[in-house]
Each structure stands twice: as structure tokens, then as C-alpha cells.
Amino acid sequence: EKGLRIKGTGIGQKVKGHKWERTMQGRLEERRKAMLEMPEMIR
């Protein structure tokens, strides 16, 4: 229920994390879209 005395390891718990970790999902999505649009940009 509480976790292994480490923040975020319990049921339903979350960790704040560093800013680069919190924004990683959005940046990876932007990279994926940029890679898909790369052939059109090269053309």
C-alpha cells in the first residue's frame, strides 16, 4: 500500500520527477511527428 519507503513506489502514488522527465513524453511525440514529416521537408 505505501511502497518500499521510496516516493512513488506505492499503490496509486506518483513522483514529481525532474522537469526533463515530466516533459519527456511530449518531446518524444514531437520527435516522432518530425520524423514522419521529414521526407516532405527534404522534398
PDB file of all heavy atoms in Angstrom:
ATOM      1  N   GLU A   1       0.810  -1.215   0.000  1.00  0.00           N
ATOM      2  CA  GLU A   1       0.000   0.000   0.000  1.00  0.00           C
ATOM      3  C   GLU A   1       0.846   1.268   0.000  1.00  0.00           C
ATOM      4  O   GLU A   1       0.557   2.211  -0.733  1.00  0.00           O
ATOM      5  CB  GLU A   1      -0.914  -0.006   1.218  1.00  0.00           C
ATOM      6  CG  GLU A   1      -1.990   1.056   1.188  1.00  0.00           C
ATOM      7  CD  GLU A   1      -2.981   0.886   2.317  1.00  0.00           C
ATOM      8  OE1 GLU A   1      -3.718  -0.100   2.302  1.00  0.00           O
ATOM      9  OE2 GLU A   1      -2.992   1.726   3.217  1.00  0.00           O
ATOM     10  N   LYS A   2       1.891   1.300   0.797  1.00  0.00           N
ATOM     11  CA  LYS A   2       2.692   2.515   0.953  1.00  0.00           C
ATOM     12  C   LYS A   2       3.944   2.550   0.091  1.00  0.00           C
ATOM     13  O   LYS A   2       4.530   3.599  -0.101  1.00  0.00           O
ATOM     14  CB  LYS A   2       3.108   2.692   2.428  1.00  0.00           C
ATOM     15  CG  LYS A   2       1.953   2.724   3.417  1.00  0.00           C
ATOM     16  CD  LYS A   2       1.116   3.961   3.242  1.00  0.00           C
ATOM     17  CE  LYS A   2       0.014   4.016   4.297  1.00  0.00           C
ATOM     18  NZ  LYS A   2      -0.863   5.173   4.106  1.00  0.00           N
ATOM     19  N   GLY A   3       4.406   1.397  -0.383  1.00  0.00           N
ATOM     20  CA  GLY A   3       5.629   1.368  -1.167  1.00  0.00           C
ATOM     21  C   GLY A   3       6.828   1.011  -0.319  1.00  0.00           C
ATOM     22  O   GLY A   3       6.739   0.819   0.895  1.00  0.00           O
ATOM     23  N   LEU A   4       7.990   0.912  -0.983  1.00  0.00           N
ATOM     24  CA  LEU A   4       9.219   0.485  -0.318  1.00  0.00           C
ATOM     25  C   LEU A   4       9.969   1.668   0.288  1.00  0.00           C
ATOM     26  O   LEU A   4      11.169   1.807   0.133  1.00  0.00           O
ATOM     27  CB  LEU A   4      10.125  -0.239  -1.320  1.00  0.00           C
ATOM     28  CG  LEU A   4       9.528  -1.506  -1.941  1.00  0.00           C
ATOM     29  CD1 LEU A   4      10.381  -1.959  -3.098  1.00  0.00           C
ATOM     30  CD2 LEU A   4       9.424  -2.597  -0.897  1.00  0.00           C
ATOM     31  N   ARG A   5       9.248   2.544   0.995  1.00  0.00           N
ATOM     32  CA  ARG A   5       9.844   3.740   1.607  1.00  0.00           C
ATOM     33  C   ARG A   5      10.521   4.624   0.571  1.00  0.00           C
ATOM     34  O   ARG A   5      11.399   5.419   0.895  1.00  0.00           O
ATOM     35  CB  ARG A   5      10.858   3.341   2.697  1.00  0.00           C
ATOM     36  CG  ARG A   5      10.247   2.595   3.847  1.00  0.00           C
ATOM     37  CD  ARG A   5       9.319   3.465   4.630  1.00  0.00           C
ATOM     38  NE  ARG A   5       8.788   2.780   5.789  1.00  0.00           N
ATOM     39  CZ  ARG A   5       7.876   3.281   6.580  1.00  0.00           C
ATOM     40  NH1 ARG A   5       7.358   4.461   6.318  1.00  0.00           N
ATOM     41  NH2 ARG A   5       7.431   2.619   7.626  1.00  0.00           N
ATOM     42  N   ILE A   6      10.149   4.444  -0.694  1.00  0.00           N
ATOM     43  CA  ILE A   6      10.667   5.281  -1.769  1.00  0.00           C
ATOM     44  C   ILE A   6       9.475   5.982  -2.392  1.00  0.00           C
ATOM     45  O   ILE A   6       8.487   5.334  -2.720  1.00  0.00           O
ATOM     46  CB  ILE A   6      11.416   4.455  -2.833  1.00  0.00           C
ATOM     47  CG1 ILE A   6      12.577   3.697  -2.182  1.00  0.00           C
ATOM     48  CG2 ILE A   6      11.922   5.334  -3.954  1.00  0.00           C
ATOM     49  CD1 ILE A   6      13.218   2.680  -3.077  1.00  0.00           C
ATOM     50  N   LYS A   7       9.558   7.262  -2.537  1.00  0.00           N
ATOM     51  CA  LYS A   7       8.430   8.032  -3.031  1.00  0.00           C
ATOM     52  C   LYS A   7       8.023   7.560  -4.419  1.00  0.00           C
ATOM     53  O   LYS A   7       8.836   7.458  -5.323  1.00  0.00           O
ATOM     54  CB  LYS A   7       8.803   9.515  -3.069  1.00  0.00           C
ATOM     55  CG  LYS A   7       7.629  10.426  -3.394  1.00  0.00           C
ATOM     56  CD  LYS A   7       8.047  11.878  -3.333  1.00  0.00           C
ATOM     57  CE  LYS A   7       6.878  12.791  -3.652  1.00  0.00           C
ATOM     58  NZ  LYS A   7       7.270  14.195  -3.632  1.00  0.00           N
ATOM     59  N   GLY A   8       6.742   7.255  -4.546  1.00  0.00           N
ATOM     60  CA  GLY A   8       6.207   6.860  -5.836  1.00  0.00           C
ATOM     61  C   GLY A   8       6.130   5.372  -6.072  1.00  0.00           C
ATOM     62  O   GLY A   8       5.650   4.943  -7.115  1.00  0.00           O
ATOM     63  N   THR A   9       6.581   4.524  -5.105  1.00  0.00           N
ATOM     64  CA  THR A   9       6.565   3.075  -5.319  1.00  0.00           C
ATOM     65  C   THR A   9       5.308   2.424  -4.784  1.00  0.00           C
ATOM     66  O   THR A   9       5.095   1.242  -5.007  1.00  0.00           O
ATOM     67  CB  THR A   9       7.785   2.420  -4.654  1.00  0.00           C
ATOM     68  OG1 THR A   9       7.769   2.716  -3.242  1.00  0.00           O
ATOM     69  CG2 THR A   9       9.073   2.924  -5.254  1.00  0.00           C
ATOM     70  N   GLY A  10       4.463   3.140  -4.052  1.00  0.00           N
ATOM     71  CA  GLY A  10       3.238   2.558  -3.505  1.00  0.00           C
ATOM     72  C   GLY A  10       2.109   2.555  -4.511  1.00  0.00           C
ATOM     73  O   GLY A  10       2.215   3.097  -5.618  1.00  0.00           O
ATOM     74  N   ILE A  11       0.997   1.958  -4.113  1.00  0.00           N
ATOM     75  CA  ILE A  11      -0.176   1.874  -4.991  1.00  0.00           C
ATOM     76  C   ILE A  11      -0.778   3.261  -5.159  1.00  0.00           C
ATOM     77  O   ILE A  11      -1.040   3.943  -4.187  1.00  0.00           O
ATOM     78  CB  ILE A  11      -1.205   0.904  -4.406  1.00  0.00           C
ATOM     79  CG1 ILE A  11      -0.683  -0.526  -4.534  1.00  0.00           C
ATOM     80  CG2 ILE A  11      -2.538   1.030  -5.099  1.00  0.00           C
ATOM     81  CD1 ILE A  11      -1.591  -1.553  -3.970  1.00  0.00           C
ATOM     82  N   GLY A  12      -0.995   3.656  -6.384  1.00  0.00           N
ATOM     83  CA  GLY A  12      -1.612   4.939  -6.676  1.00  0.00           C
ATOM     84  C   GLY A  12      -0.733   6.154  -6.435  1.00  0.00           C
ATOM     85  O   GLY A  12      -1.196   7.280  -6.535  1.00  0.00           O
ATOM     86  N   GLN A  13       0.555   5.960  -6.105  1.00  0.00           N
ATOM     87  CA  GLN A  13       1.442   7.086  -5.840  1.00  0.00           C
ATOM     88  C   GLN A  13       2.131   7.539  -7.117  1.00  0.00           C
ATOM     89  O   GLN A  13       2.319   6.767  -8.054  1.00  0.00           O
ATOM     90  CB  GLN A  13       2.501   6.698  -4.801  1.00  0.00           C
ATOM     91  CG  GLN A  13       1.920   6.439  -3.429  1.00  0.00           C
ATOM     92  CD  GLN A  13       3.005   6.116  -2.433  1.00  0.00           C
ATOM     93  OE1 GLN A  13       4.189   6.063  -2.777  1.00  0.00           O
ATOM     94  NE2 GLN A  13       2.610   5.893  -1.203  1.00  0.00           N
ATOM     95  N   LYS A  14       2.526   8.807  -7.124  1.00  0.00           N
ATOM     96  CA  LYS A  14       3.261   9.375  -8.246  1.00  0.00           C
ATOM     97  C   LYS A  14       4.441  10.165  -7.708  1.00  0.00           C
ATOM     98  O   LYS A  14       4.435  10.586  -6.564  1.00  0.00           O
ATOM     99  CB  LYS A  14       2.366  10.298  -9.072  1.00  0.00           C
ATOM    100  CG  LYS A  14       1.288   9.564  -9.858  1.00  0.00           C
ATOM    101  CD  LYS A  14       0.594  10.523 -10.790  1.00  0.00           C
ATOM    102  CE  LYS A  14      -0.398   9.794 -11.655  1.00  0.00           C
ATOM    103  NZ  LYS A  14      -1.036  10.696 -12.626  1.00  0.00           N
ATOM    104  N   VAL A  15       5.442  10.349  -8.547  1.00  0.00           N
ATOM    105  CA  VAL A  15       6.591  11.165  -8.188  1.00  0.00           C
ATOM    106  C   VAL A  15       6.612  12.404  -9.063  1.00  0.00           C
ATOM    107  O   VAL A  15       6.151  12.385 -10.203  1.00  0.00           O
ATOM    108  CB  VAL A  15       7.913  10.389  -8.334  1.00  0.00           C
ATOM    109  CG1 VAL A  15       8.015   9.324  -7.289  1.00  0.00           C
ATOM    110  CG2 VAL A  15       8.030   9.780  -9.711  1.00  0.00           C
ATOM    111  N   LYS A  16       7.156  13.482  -8.514  1.00  0.00           N
ATOM    112  CA  LYS A  16       7.237  14.717  -9.290  1.00  0.00           C
ATOM    113  C   LYS A  16       8.251  14.568 -10.414  1.00  0.00           C
ATOM    114  O   LYS A  16       7.970  14.869 -11.564  1.00  0.00           O
ATOM    115  CB  LYS A  16       7.619  15.870  -8.364  1.00  0.00           C
ATOM    116  CG  LYS A  16       7.821  17.187  -9.086  1.00  0.00           C
ATOM    117  CD  LYS A  16       8.313  18.242  -8.132  1.00  0.00           C
ATOM    118  CE  LYS A  16       8.697  19.504  -8.874  1.00  0.00           C
ATOM    119  NZ  LYS A  16       9.261  20.499  -7.963  1.00  0.00           N
ATOM    120  N   GLY A  17       9.422  14.072 -10.098  1.00  0.00           N
ATOM    121  CA  GLY A  17      10.451  13.891 -11.108  1.00  0.00           C
ATOM    122  C   GLY A  17      11.099  15.202 -11.530  1.00  0.00           C
ATOM    123  O   GLY A  17      10.664  16.292 -11.161  1.00  0.00           O
ATOM    124  N   HIS A  18      12.172  15.108 -12.318  1.00  0.00           N
ATOM    125  CA  HIS A  18      12.809  16.295 -12.889  1.00  0.00           C
ATOM    126  C   HIS A  18      11.958  16.849 -14.031  1.00  0.00           C
ATOM    127  O   HIS A  18      11.087  16.156 -14.565  1.00  0.00           O
ATOM    128  CB  HIS A  18      14.197  15.947 -13.413  1.00  0.00           C
ATOM    129  CG  HIS A  18      15.134  15.456 -12.348  1.00  0.00           C
ATOM    130  ND1 HIS A  18      15.742  16.286 -11.449  1.00  0.00           N
ATOM    131  CD2 HIS A  18      15.550  14.200 -12.036  1.00  0.00           C
ATOM    132  CE1 HIS A  18      16.504  15.579 -10.620  1.00  0.00           C
ATOM    133  NE2 HIS A  18      16.403  14.305 -10.958  1.00  0.00           N
ATOM    134  N   LYS A  19      12.255  18.072 -14.387  1.00  0.00           N
ATOM    135  CA  LYS A  19      11.464  18.700 -15.451  1.00  0.00           C
ATOM    136  C   LYS A  19      11.639  17.970 -16.777  1.00  0.00           C
ATOM    137  O   LYS A  19      10.675  17.776 -17.528  1.00  0.00           O
ATOM    138  CB  LYS A  19      11.860  20.172 -15.593  1.00  0.00           C
ATOM    139  CG  LYS A  19      10.970  20.928 -16.564  1.00  0.00           C
ATOM    140  CD  LYS A  19      11.307  22.392 -16.618  1.00  0.00           C
ATOM    141  CE  LYS A  19      10.381  23.113 -17.596  1.00  0.00           C
ATOM    142  NZ  LYS A  19      10.696  24.548 -17.682  1.00  0.00           N
ATOM    143  N   TRP A  20      12.862  17.516 -17.070  1.00  0.00           N
ATOM    144  CA  TRP A  20      13.092  16.810 -18.331  1.00  0.00           C
ATOM    145  C   TRP A  20      12.353  15.469 -18.335  1.00  0.00           C
ATOM    146  O   TRP A  20      11.955  14.981 -19.394  1.00  0.00           O
ATOM    147  CB  TRP A  20      14.586  16.600 -18.575  1.00  0.00           C
ATOM    148  CG  TRP A  20      15.274  15.697 -17.586  1.00  0.00           C
ATOM    149  CD1 TRP A  20      15.902  16.070 -16.439  1.00  0.00           C
ATOM    150  CD2 TRP A  20      15.409  14.286 -17.675  1.00  0.00           C
ATOM    151  NE1 TRP A  20      16.428  14.981 -15.794  1.00  0.00           N
ATOM    152  CE2 TRP A  20      16.133  13.866 -16.530  1.00  0.00           C
ATOM    153  CE3 TRP A  20      14.988  13.319 -18.586  1.00  0.00           C
ATOM    154  CZ2 TRP A  20      16.444  12.528 -16.289  1.00  0.00           C
ATOM    155  CZ3 TRP A  20      15.301  11.983 -18.340  1.00  0.00           C
ATOM    156  CH2 TRP A  20      16.028  11.603 -17.213  1.00  0.00           C
ATOM    157  N   GLU A  21      12.136  14.868 -17.145  1.00  0.00           N
ATOM    158  CA  GLU A  21      11.376  13.621 -17.084  1.00  0.00           C
ATOM    159  C   GLU A  21       9.880  13.875 -17.279  1.00  0.00           C
ATOM    160  O   GLU A  21       9.189  13.091 -17.928  1.00  0.00           O
ATOM    161  CB  GLU A  21      11.615  12.936 -15.737  1.00  0.00           C
ATOM    162  CG  GLU A  21      13.021  12.406 -15.564  1.00  0.00           C
ATOM    163  CD  GLU A  21      13.276  11.891 -14.161  1.00  0.00           C
ATOM    164  OE1 GLU A  21      12.760  12.486 -13.198  1.00  0.00           O
ATOM    165  OE2 GLU A  21      13.995  10.889 -14.041  1.00  0.00           O
ATOM    166  N   ARG A  22       9.388  14.986 -16.700  1.00  0.00           N
ATOM    167  CA  ARG A  22       7.968  15.292 -16.824  1.00  0.00           C
ATOM    168  C   ARG A  22       7.592  15.665 -18.253  1.00  0.00           C
ATOM    169  O   ARG A  22       6.477  15.412 -18.697  1.00  0.00           O
ATOM    170  CB  ARG A  22       7.588  16.440 -15.875  1.00  0.00           C
ATOM    171  CG  ARG A  22       7.749  16.118 -14.406  1.00  0.00           C
ATOM    172  CD  ARG A  22       7.016  17.139 -13.560  1.00  0.00           C
ATOM    173  NE  ARG A  22       7.447  18.505 -13.786  1.00  0.00           N
ATOM    174  CZ  ARG A  22       8.412  19.122 -13.119  1.00  0.00           C
ATOM    175  NH1 ARG A  22       9.081  18.483 -12.190  1.00  0.00           N
ATOM    176  NH2 ARG A  22       8.724  20.382 -13.387  1.00  0.00           N
ATOM    177  N   THR A  23       8.519  16.307 -18.959  1.00  0.00           N
ATOM    178  CA  THR A  23       8.229  16.757 -20.325  1.00  0.00           C
ATOM    179  C   THR A  23       8.720  15.789 -21.395  1.00  0.00           C
ATOM    180  O   THR A  23       8.628  16.090 -22.579  1.00  0.00           O
ATOM    181  CB  THR A  23       8.869  18.135 -20.558  1.00  0.00           C
ATOM    182  OG1 THR A  23      10.285  18.039 -20.315  1.00  0.00           O
ATOM    183  CG2 THR A  23       8.271  19.179 -19.627  1.00  0.00           C
ATOM    184  N   MET A  24       9.245  14.645 -20.990  1.00  0.00           N
ATOM    185  CA  MET A  24       9.829  13.718 -21.957  1.00  0.00           C
ATOM    186  C   MET A  24       8.783  13.171 -22.929  1.00  0.00           C
ATOM    187  O   MET A  24       9.045  13.055 -24.133  1.00  0.00           O
ATOM    188  CB  MET A  24      10.497  12.540 -21.236  1.00  0.00           C
ATOM    189  CG  MET A  24      11.182  11.553 -22.177  1.00  0.00           C
ATOM    190  SD  MET A  24      11.780  10.091 -21.331  1.00  0.00           S
ATOM    191  CE  MET A  24      13.115  10.805 -20.382  1.00  0.00           C
ATOM    192  N   GLN A  25       7.599  12.867 -22.423  1.00  0.00           N
ATOM    193  CA  GLN A  25       6.579  12.278 -23.279  1.00  0.00           C
ATOM    194  C   GLN A  25       6.187  13.229 -24.411  1.00  0.00           C
ATOM    195  O   GLN A  25       6.050  12.817 -25.567  1.00  0.00           O
ATOM    196  CB  GLN A  25       5.350  11.920 -22.435  1.00  0.00           C
ATOM    197  CG  GLN A  25       4.377  10.993 -23.133  1.00  0.00           C
ATOM    198  CD  GLN A  25       3.300  10.491 -22.207  1.00  0.00           C
ATOM    199  OE1 GLN A  25       3.295  10.807 -21.031  1.00  0.00           O
ATOM    200  NE2 GLN A  25       2.383   9.717 -22.741  1.00  0.00           N
ATOM    201  N   GLY A  26       6.032  14.522 -24.103  1.00  0.00           N
ATOM    202  CA  GLY A  26       5.690  15.495 -25.139  1.00  0.00           C
ATOM    203  C   GLY A  26       6.796  15.668 -26.153  1.00  0.00           C
ATOM    204  O   GLY A  26       6.538  15.788 -27.362  1.00  0.00           O
ATOM    205  N   ARG A  27       8.058  15.674 -25.687  1.00  0.00           N
ATOM    206  CA  ARG A  27       9.185  15.845 -26.613  1.00  0.00           C
ATOM    207  C   ARG A  27       9.339  14.635 -27.528  1.00  0.00           C
ATOM    208  O   ARG A  27       9.662  14.759 -28.710  1.00  0.00           O
ATOM    209  CB  ARG A  27      10.474  16.087 -25.823  1.00  0.00           C
ATOM    210  CG  ARG A  27      10.556  17.496 -25.244  1.00  0.00           C
ATOM    211  CD  ARG A  27      11.877  17.812 -24.592  1.00  0.00           C
ATOM    212  NE  ARG A  27      11.993  17.180 -23.288  1.00  0.00           N
ATOM    213  CZ  ARG A  27      12.799  16.161 -23.002  1.00  0.00           C
ATOM    214  NH1 ARG A  27      13.554  15.644 -23.948  1.00  0.00           N
ATOM    215  NH2 ARG A  27      12.855  15.655 -21.789  1.00  0.00           N
ATOM    216  N   LEU A  28       9.124  13.448 -27.005  1.00  0.00           N
ATOM    217  CA  LEU A  28       9.200  12.250 -27.849  1.00  0.00           C
ATOM    218  C   LEU A  28       8.102  12.252 -28.907  1.00  0.00           C
ATOM    219  O   LEU A  28       8.326  11.812 -30.040  1.00  0.00           O
ATOM    220  CB  LEU A  28       9.090  10.992 -26.975  1.00  0.00           C
ATOM    221  CG  LEU A  28      10.290  10.684 -26.082  1.00  0.00           C
ATOM    222  CD1 LEU A  28      10.001   9.468 -25.221  1.00  0.00           C
ATOM    223  CD2 LEU A  28      11.545  10.441 -26.899  1.00  0.00           C
ATOM    224  N   GLU A  29       6.924  12.749 -28.552  1.00  0.00           N
ATOM    225  CA  GLU A  29       5.839  12.834 -29.529  1.00  0.00           C
ATOM    226  C   GLU A  29       6.177  13.841 -30.637  1.00  0.00           C
ATOM    227  O   GLU A  29       5.901  13.598 -31.814  1.00  0.00           O
ATOM    228  CB  GLU A  29       4.553  13.237 -28.816  1.00  0.00           C
ATOM    229  CG  GLU A  29       3.323  13.276 -29.698  1.00  0.00           C
ATOM    230  CD  GLU A  29       2.953  11.926 -30.265  1.00  0.00           C
ATOM    231  OE1 GLU A  29       3.339  10.896 -29.664  1.00  0.00           O
ATOM    232  OE2 GLU A  29       2.297  11.900 -31.316  1.00  0.00           O
ATOM    233  N   GLU A  30       6.808  14.972 -30.254  1.00  0.00           N
ATOM    234  CA  GLU A  30       7.215  15.962 -31.253  1.00  0.00           C
ATOM    235  C   GLU A  30       8.273  15.384 -32.190  1.00  0.00           C
ATOM    236  O   GLU A  30       8.239  15.615 -33.408  1.00  0.00           O
ATOM    237  CB  GLU A  30       7.762  17.208 -30.560  1.00  0.00           C
ATOM    238  CG  GLU A  30       6.693  18.063 -29.889  1.00  0.00           C
ATOM    239  CD  GLU A  30       7.288  19.269 -29.190  1.00  0.00           C
ATOM    240  OE1 GLU A  30       8.518  19.475 -29.306  1.00  0.00           O
ATOM    241  OE2 GLU A  30       6.533  19.991 -28.518  1.00  0.00           O
ATOM    242  N   ARG A  31       9.218  14.617 -31.643  1.00  0.00           N
ATOM    243  CA  ARG A  31      10.247  13.992 -32.478  1.00  0.00           C
ATOM    244  C   ARG A  31       9.616  12.984 -33.448  1.00  0.00           C
ATOM    245  O   ARG A  31      10.027  12.894 -34.620  1.00  0.00           O
ATOM    246  CB  ARG A  31      11.264  13.267 -31.601  1.00  0.00           C
ATOM    247  CG  ARG A  31      12.208  14.201 -30.875  1.00  0.00           C
ATOM    248  CD  ARG A  31      13.196  13.410 -30.061  1.00  0.00           C
ATOM    249  NE  ARG A  31      13.854  14.229 -29.071  1.00  0.00           N
ATOM    250  CZ  ARG A  31      14.665  13.758 -28.127  1.00  0.00           C
ATOM    251  NH1 ARG A  31      14.892  12.455 -28.044  1.00  0.00           N
ATOM    252  NH2 ARG A  31      15.237  14.562 -27.267  1.00  0.00           N
ATOM    253  N   ARG A  32       8.644  12.230 -32.970  1.00  0.00           N
ATOM    254  CA  ARG A  32       8.005  11.233 -33.828  1.00  0.00           C
ATOM    255  C   ARG A  32       7.304  11.911 -35.013  1.00  0.00           C
ATOM    256  O   ARG A  32       7.421  11.475 -36.158  1.00  0.00           O
ATOM    257  CB  ARG A  32       7.000  10.417 -33.012  1.00  0.00           C
ATOM    258  CG  ARG A  32       6.422   9.212 -33.736  1.00  0.00           C
ATOM    259  CD  ARG A  32       5.350   8.551 -32.899  1.00  0.00           C
ATOM    260  NE  ARG A  32       4.168   9.373 -32.800  1.00  0.00           N
ATOM    261  CZ  ARG A  32       3.214   9.431 -33.724  1.00  0.00           C
ATOM    262  NH1 ARG A  32       3.322   8.723 -34.838  1.00  0.00           N
ATOM    263  NH2 ARG A  32       2.157  10.202 -33.570  1.00  0.00           N
ATOM    264  N   LYS A  33       6.587  13.010 -34.703  1.00  0.00           N
ATOM    265  CA  LYS A  33       5.907  13.741 -35.770  1.00  0.00           C
ATOM    266  C   LYS A  33       6.917  14.350 -36.744  1.00  0.00           C
ATOM    267  O   LYS A  33       6.700  14.364 -37.972  1.00  0.00           O
ATOM    268  CB  LYS A  33       5.036  14.847 -35.178  1.00  0.00           C
ATOM    269  CG  LYS A  33       3.789  14.328 -34.462  1.00  0.00           C
ATOM    270  CD  LYS A  33       2.972  15.478 -33.909  1.00  0.00           C
ATOM    271  CE  LYS A  33       1.743  14.965 -33.184  1.00  0.00           C
ATOM    272  NZ  LYS A  33       0.963  16.081 -32.583  1.00  0.00           N
ATOM    273  N   ALA A  34       8.044  14.878 -36.231  1.00  0.00           N
ATOM    274  CA  ALA A  34       9.063  15.476 -37.095  1.00  0.00           C
ATOM    275  C   ALA A  34       9.686  14.432 -38.018  1.00  0.00           C
ATOM    276  O   ALA A  34       9.962  14.711 -39.200  1.00  0.00           O
ATOM    277  CB  ALA A  34      10.138  16.139 -36.252  1.00  0.00           C
ATOM    278  N   MET A  35       9.898  13.216 -37.500  1.00  0.00           N
ATOM    279  CA  MET A  35      10.475  12.166 -38.329  1.00  0.00           C
ATOM    280  C   MET A  35       9.507  11.733 -39.421  1.00  0.00           C
ATOM    281  O   MET A  35       9.924  11.408 -40.543  1.00  0.00           O
ATOM    282  CB  MET A  35      10.846  10.960 -37.456  1.00  0.00           C
ATOM    283  CG  MET A  35      11.994  11.226 -36.489  1.00  0.00           C
ATOM    284  SD  MET A  35      13.537  11.644 -37.329  1.00  0.00           S
ATOM    285  CE  MET A  35      13.941  10.095 -38.086  1.00  0.00           C
ATOM    286  N   LEU A  36       8.219  11.734 -39.120  1.00  0.00           N
ATOM    287  CA  LEU A  36       7.224  11.368 -40.139  1.00  0.00           C
ATOM    288  C   LEU A  36       7.133  12.435 -41.228  1.00  0.00           C
ATOM    289  O   LEU A  36       6.876  12.122 -42.400  1.00  0.00           O
ATOM    290  CB  LEU A  36       5.847  11.168 -39.488  1.00  0.00           C
ATOM    291  CG  LEU A  36       5.707   9.942 -38.568  1.00  0.00           C
ATOM    292  CD1 LEU A  36       4.336   9.949 -37.890  1.00  0.00           C
ATOM    293  CD2 LEU A  36       5.886   8.645 -39.360  1.00  0.00           C
ATOM    294  N   GLU A  37       7.346  13.707 -40.876  1.00  0.00           N
ATOM    295  CA  GLU A  37       7.259  14.800 -41.838  1.00  0.00           C
ATOM    296  C   GLU A  37       8.595  15.077 -42.536  1.00  0.00           C
ATOM    297  O   GLU A  37       8.686  15.976 -43.374  1.00  0.00           O
ATOM    298  CB  GLU A  37       6.786  16.077 -41.137  1.00  0.00           C
ATOM    299  CG  GLU A  37       5.360  15.975 -40.594  1.00  0.00           C
ATOM    300  CD  GLU A  37       5.002  17.151 -39.713  1.00  0.00           C
ATOM    301  OE1 GLU A  37       5.865  18.044 -39.544  1.00  0.00           O
ATOM    302  OE2 GLU A  37       3.876  17.179 -39.194  1.00  0.00           O
ATOM    303  N   MET A  38       9.649  14.321 -42.172  1.00  0.00           N
ATOM    304  CA  MET A  38      10.971  14.577 -42.731  1.00  0.00           C
ATOM    305  C   MET A  38      11.041  14.398 -44.258  1.00  0.00           C
ATOM    306  O   MET A  38      11.638  15.236 -44.952  1.00  0.00           O
ATOM    307  CB  MET A  38      12.002  13.671 -42.050  1.00  0.00           C
ATOM    308  CG  MET A  38      13.440  13.969 -42.439  1.00  0.00           C
ATOM    309  SD  MET A  38      13.971  15.618 -41.933  1.00  0.00           S
ATOM    310  CE  MET A  38      14.031  15.412 -40.166  1.00  0.00           C
ATOM    311  N   PRO A  39      10.458  13.363 -44.864  1.00  0.00           N
ATOM    312  CA  PRO A  39      10.542  13.254 -46.343  1.00  0.00           C
ATOM    313  C   PRO A  39       9.942  14.450 -47.069  1.00  0.00           C
ATOM    314  O   PRO A  39      10.511  14.930 -48.080  1.00  0.00           O
ATOM    315  CB  PRO A  39       9.753  11.965 -46.641  1.00  0.00           C
ATOM    316  CG  PRO A  39       9.818  11.181 -45.384  1.00  0.00           C
ATOM    317  CD  PRO A  39       9.817  12.179 -44.285  1.00  0.00           C
ATOM    318  N   GLU A  40       8.830  14.962 -46.593  1.00  0.00           N
ATOM    319  CA  GLU A  40       8.203  16.125 -47.215  1.00  0.00           C
ATOM    320  C   GLU A  40       9.087  17.360 -47.066  1.00  0.00           C
ATOM    321  O   GLU A  40       9.209  18.173 -47.993  1.00  0.00           O
ATOM    322  CB  GLU A  40       6.828  16.364 -46.592  1.00  0.00           C
ATOM    323  CG  GLU A  40       6.083  17.565 -47.134  1.00  0.00           C
ATOM    324  CD  GLU A  40       5.738  17.443 -48.602  1.00  0.00           C
ATOM    325  OE1 GLU A  40       5.693  16.309 -49.118  1.00  0.00           O
ATOM    326  OE2 GLU A  40       5.521  18.490 -49.244  1.00  0.00           O
ATOM    327  N   MET A  41       9.738  17.490 -45.903  1.00  0.00           N
ATOM    328  CA  MET A  41      10.636  18.634 -45.681  1.00  0.00           C
ATOM    329  C   MET A  41      11.843  18.559 -46.616  1.00  0.00           C
ATOM    330  O   MET A  41      12.286  19.574 -47.175  1.00  0.00           O
ATOM    331  CB  MET A  41      11.081  18.668 -44.218  1.00  0.00           C
ATOM    332  CG  MET A  41      11.986  19.853 -43.886  1.00  0.00           C
ATOM    333  SD  MET A  41      12.552  19.857 -42.181  1.00  0.00           S
ATOM    334  CE  MET A  41      11.093  20.391 -41.345  1.00  0.00           C
ATOM    335  N   ILE A  42      12.396  17.355 -46.802  1.00  0.00           N
ATOM    336  CA  ILE A  42      13.544  17.187 -47.707  1.00  0.00           C
ATOM    337  C   ILE A  42      13.145  17.511 -49.148  1.00  0.00           C
ATOM    338  O   ILE A  42      13.887  18.166 -49.895  1.00  0.00           O
ATOM    339  CB  ILE A  42      14.102  15.750 -47.600  1.00  0.00           C
ATOM    340  CG1 ILE A  42      14.716  15.532 -46.210  1.00  0.00           C
ATOM    341  CG2 ILE A  42      15.131  15.479 -48.683  1.00  0.00           C
ATOM    342  CD1 ILE A  42      15.123  14.123 -45.932  1.00  0.00           C
ATOM    343  N   ARG A  43      11.953  17.058 -49.560  1.00  0.00           N
ATOM    344  CA  ARG A  43      11.471  17.343 -50.911  1.00  0.00           C
ATOM    345  C   ARG A  43      11.312  18.841 -51.134  1.00  0.00           C
ATOM    346  O   ARG A  43      11.733  19.387 -52.160  1.00  0.00           O
ATOM    347  CB  ARG A  43      10.133  16.625 -51.133  1.00  0.00           C
ATOM    348  CG  ARG A  43       9.617  16.711 -52.562  1.00  0.00           C
ATOM    349  CD  ARG A  43       8.184  16.243 -52.644  1.00  0.00           C
ATOM    350  NE  ARG A  43       7.294  17.139 -51.921  1.00  0.00           N
ATOM    351  CZ  ARG A  43       6.862  18.312 -52.376  1.00  0.00           C
ATOM    352  NH1 ARG A  43       7.291  18.782 -53.542  1.00  0.00           N
ATOM    353  NH2 ARG A  43       6.045  19.046 -51.652  1.00  0.00           N
TER     354      ARG A  43
END
